Each structure stands twice: as C-alpha cells, then as structure tokens.
C-alpha atoms as a PDB file:
ATOM      1  CA  MET A   1      -3.303   2.494 -32.745  1.00  0.00           C
ATOM      2  CA  LYS A   2      -6.363   2.339 -30.485  1.00  0.00           C
ATOM      3  CA  LYS A   3      -4.841  -0.526 -28.514  1.00  0.00           C
ATOM      4  CA  ALA A   4      -1.624   1.415 -27.994  1.00  0.00           C
ATOM      5  CA  LEU A   5      -3.497   4.479 -26.754  1.00  0.00           C
ATOM      6  CA  LEU A   6      -5.643   2.312 -24.509  1.00  0.00           C
ATOM      7  CA  TYR A   7      -2.554   0.625 -23.099  1.00  0.00           C
ATOM      8  CA  ILE A   8      -0.903   3.990 -22.424  1.00  0.00           C
ATOM      9  CA  ALA A   9      -4.059   5.262 -20.713  1.00  0.00           C
ATOM     10  CA  VAL A  10      -4.270   2.214 -18.440  1.00  0.00           C
ATOM     11  CA  VAL A  11      -0.577   2.278 -17.520  1.00  0.00           C
ATOM     12  CA  THR A  12      -0.732   6.014 -16.826  1.00  0.00           C
ATOM     13  CA  THR A  13      -3.761   5.512 -14.600  1.00  0.00           C
ATOM     14  CA  PHE A  14      -1.943   2.887 -12.540  1.00  0.00           C
ATOM     15  CA  LEU A  15       1.194   5.010 -12.255  1.00  0.00           C
ATOM     16  CA  PHE A  16      -0.685   8.065 -11.062  1.00  0.00           C
ATOM     17  CA  THR A  17      -2.841   5.971  -8.761  1.00  0.00           C
ATOM     18  CA  GLY A  18       0.201   4.430  -7.124  1.00  0.00           C
ATOM     19  CA  CYS A  19       1.738   7.851  -6.524  1.00  0.00           C
ATOM     20  CA  ALA A  20      -1.412   9.630  -5.458  1.00  0.00           C
ATOM     21  CA  ASN A  21      -2.423  10.109  -1.867  1.00  0.00           C
ATOM     22  CA  MET A  22      -6.178   9.928  -2.116  1.00  0.00           C
ATOM     23  CA  ASN A  23      -8.495  11.125   0.626  1.00  0.00           C
ATOM     24  CA  GLY A  24      -9.974   8.361   2.709  1.00  0.00           C
ATOM     25  CA  TYR A  25      -7.567   5.613   1.733  1.00  0.00           C
ATOM     26  CA  GLY A  26      -3.945   6.613   1.739  1.00  0.00           C
ATOM     27  CA  ALA A  27      -3.919   9.481   4.182  1.00  0.00           C
ATOM     28  CA  SER A  28      -0.442   9.478   5.574  1.00  0.00           C
ATOM     29  CA  SER A  29      -1.102  10.059   9.229  1.00  0.00           C
ATOM     30  CA  GLU A  30       2.101   8.872  10.822  1.00  0.00           C
ATOM     31  CA  MET A  31       1.758   7.137  14.140  1.00  0.00           C
ATOM     32  CA  THR A  32       4.110   7.938  17.008  1.00  0.00           C
ATOM     33  CA  ASP A  33       3.650   4.914  19.303  1.00  0.00           C
ATOM     34  CA  VAL A  34       5.780   1.969  18.162  1.00  0.00           C
ATOM     35  CA  LYS A  35       3.571  -0.827  19.505  1.00  0.00           C
ATOM     36  CA  GLN A  36       0.414   0.764  18.134  1.00  0.00           C
ATOM     37  CA  ALA A  37       2.025   1.389  14.751  1.00  0.00           C
ATOM     38  CA  ILE A  38       3.200  -2.220  14.434  1.00  0.00           C
ATOM     39  CA  SER A  39      -0.203  -3.487  15.516  1.00  0.00           C
ATOM     40  CA  THR A  40      -1.966  -1.243  12.998  1.00  0.00           C
ATOM     41  CA  ALA A  41       0.434  -2.341  10.259  1.00  0.00           C
ATOM     42  CA  GLU A  42      -0.301  -5.995  11.021  1.00  0.00           C
ATOM     43  CA  ILE A  43      -4.058  -5.413  10.935  1.00  0.00           C
ATOM     44  CA  LYS A  44      -3.923  -3.502   7.660  1.00  0.00           C
ATOM     45  CA  TYR A  45      -1.588  -6.080   6.126  1.00  0.00           C
ATOM     46  CA  ALA A  46      -3.922  -8.898   7.161  1.00  0.00           C
ATOM     47  CA  GLU A  47      -6.810  -7.057   5.523  1.00  0.00           C
ATOM     48  CA  VAL A  48      -5.106  -6.579   2.166  1.00  0.00           C
ATOM     49  CA  HIS A  49      -3.488 -10.023   2.278  1.00  0.00           C
ATOM     50  CA  SER A  50      -6.863 -11.686   2.786  1.00  0.00           C
ATOM     51  CA  GLN A  51      -8.069  -9.928  -0.357  1.00  0.00           C
ATOM     52  CA  GLY A  52      -5.004 -11.045  -2.298  1.00  0.00           C
ATOM     53  CA  ILE A  53      -3.810  -7.503  -2.984  1.00  0.00           C
ATOM     54  CA  ALA A  54      -0.921  -7.110  -0.526  1.00  0.00           C
ATOM     55  CA  TRP A  55       2.375  -5.777  -1.775  1.00  0.00           C
ATOM     56  CA  LYS A  56       5.312  -8.138  -1.227  1.00  0.00           C
ATOM     57  CA  ASN A  57       7.475  -5.693   0.757  1.00  0.00           C
ATOM     58  CA  THR A  58       4.826  -4.833   3.341  1.00  0.00           C
ATOM     59  CA  LYS A  59       5.311  -8.047   5.319  1.00  0.00           C
ATOM     60  CA  LYS A  60       9.090  -7.525   5.251  1.00  0.00           C
ATOM     61  CA  ARG A  61       8.663  -4.012   6.646  1.00  0.00           C
ATOM     62  CA  ILE A  62       6.553  -5.311   9.529  1.00  0.00           C
ATOM     63  CA  LYS A  63       9.200  -7.928  10.297  1.00  0.00           C
ATOM     64  CA  LYS A  64      11.937  -5.261  10.269  1.00  0.00           C
ATOM     65  CA  ALA A  65       9.821  -3.015  12.491  1.00  0.00           C
ATOM     66  CA  LYS A  66       9.516  -5.809  15.055  1.00  0.00           C
ATOM     67  CA  GLU A  67      13.259  -6.478  14.911  1.00  0.00           C
ATOM     68  CA  PHE A  68      14.096  -2.801  15.429  1.00  0.00           C
ATOM     69  CA  ALA A  69      11.583  -2.564  18.287  1.00  0.00           C
ATOM     70  CA  ALA A  70      13.145  -5.603  19.979  1.00  0.00           C
ATOM     71  CA  LYS A  71      16.559  -3.892  19.782  1.00  0.00           C
ATOM     72  CA  GLY A  72      15.125  -0.696  21.238  1.00  0.00           C
ATOM     73  CA  GLU A  73      15.592   1.255  18.017  1.00  0.00           C
ATOM     74  CA  ASP A  74      12.180   2.895  18.184  1.00  0.00           C
ATOM     75  CA  ALA A  75      12.734   5.509  15.461  1.00  0.00           C
ATOM     76  CA  LYS A  76      13.674   2.862  12.896  1.00  0.00           C
ATOM     77  CA  ALA A  77      10.856   0.587  14.048  1.00  0.00           C
ATOM     78  CA  LEU A  78       8.358   3.405  13.754  1.00  0.00           C
ATOM     79  CA  ALA A  79       9.582   4.328  10.281  1.00  0.00           C
ATOM     80  CA  GLN A  80       9.197   0.742   9.052  1.00  0.00           C
ATOM     81  CA  ALA A  81       5.762   0.320  10.652  1.00  0.00           C
ATOM     82  CA  ASN A  82       4.483   3.593   9.203  1.00  0.00           C
ATOM     83  CA  GLU A  83       5.789   2.618   5.778  1.00  0.00           C
ATOM     84  CA  ALA A  84       4.001  -0.745   6.056  1.00  0.00           C
ATOM     85  CA  ILE A  85       0.760   1.071   6.926  1.00  0.00           C
ATOM     86  CA  TYR A  86       1.242   3.373   3.953  1.00  0.00           C
ATOM     87  CA  GLU A  87       1.886   0.438   1.598  1.00  0.00           C
ATOM     88  CA  ALA A  88      -1.221  -1.399   2.809  1.00  0.00           C
ATOM     89  CA  ASN A  89      -3.285   1.734   2.218  1.00  0.00           C
ATOM     90  CA  GLN A  90      -1.784   2.140  -1.252  1.00  0.00           C
ATOM     91  CA  ALA A  91      -2.537  -1.512  -2.086  1.00  0.00           C
ATOM     92  CA  MET A  92      -6.168  -0.827  -1.207  1.00  0.00           C
ATOM     93  CA  ILE A  93      -6.210   2.264  -3.450  1.00  0.00           C
ATOM     94  CA  GLN A  94      -4.601   0.364  -6.292  1.00  0.00           C
ATOM     95  CA  SER A  95      -7.183  -2.404  -6.008  1.00  0.00           C
ATOM     96  CA  LYS A  96     -10.116   0.016  -5.986  1.00  0.00           C
ATOM     97  CA  GLU A  97      -8.787   1.877  -9.020  1.00  0.00           C
ATOM     98  CA  ALA A  98      -8.140  -1.378 -10.879  1.00  0.00           C
ATOM     99  CA  ASP A  99     -11.731  -2.423 -10.189  1.00  0.00           C
ATOM    100  CA  LYS A 100     -12.928   0.850 -11.701  1.00  0.00           C
ATOM    101  CA  THR A 101     -10.718   0.786 -14.795  1.00  0.00           C
ATOM    102  CA  TRP A 102     -10.275  -2.871 -15.739  1.00  0.00           C
ATOM    103  CA  ARG A 103     -12.835  -2.645 -18.542  1.00  0.00           C
ATOM    104  CA  ALA A 104     -10.619  -0.163 -20.377  1.00  0.00           C
ATOM    105  CA  ALA A 105      -7.939  -2.843 -20.737  1.00  0.00           C
ATOM    106  CA  VAL A 106     -10.268  -5.411 -22.309  1.00  0.00           C
ATOM    107  CA  PRO A 107     -10.167  -5.390 -26.134  1.00  0.00           C
ATOM    108  CA  GLN A 108     -13.523  -4.698 -27.744  1.00  0.00           C
END
C-alpha cells in the first residue's frame, strides 16, 4: 500500500511539474523576432541536450522553424521556435524537480 501511494505521489508530482509554469524557469515570454527566436531555441536546446535532458520533439521544432523561416512563413516559424524555447525550459524544470524528488521513488 505504501509503495502504491508513493508511486502515485511521484507520478502526480511529475504531471503537475510538466504542466506548471514556474517562475524563473518556464516563463513563457514569447519572442517576436524570428531569427532571434530560432537562435535562442538552438542555444536552449544545446544546453538541455548537453545535460541529457532534452525532449525529443524540441529539435524537430527547431528544424521546422528554420524550414518555415526559409519559406518566408514567419508566423509559423516564430510559433515553432517559441514552442522549442518553451519545451527546453520545461525540460530544465522537469530535471530540477526530478533531482529534488528522486529519493521518494526509492524503496526503503
């Protein structure tokens, strides 16, 4: 019973963490310049990728953003780049929360 409750607590923590927009990490300040947004997305992706915590769709979003920008579809490019930035920020939040709560998942 304790293991089941512990499992539910850990899963709930991860679900709420993934959906939360926490101050300092996942602030969703949307960029309006396409080139700057893509550049920022690439930098943030490189940061989380180097730590091994990148989400798999983030790189795809950056690629799509570049494709849309090359076609002159700035609104679509900007949307993809901003989403990639958001995902990189959320990956960072998820990692920090996992570091805080991993002990709860270890049987005692």
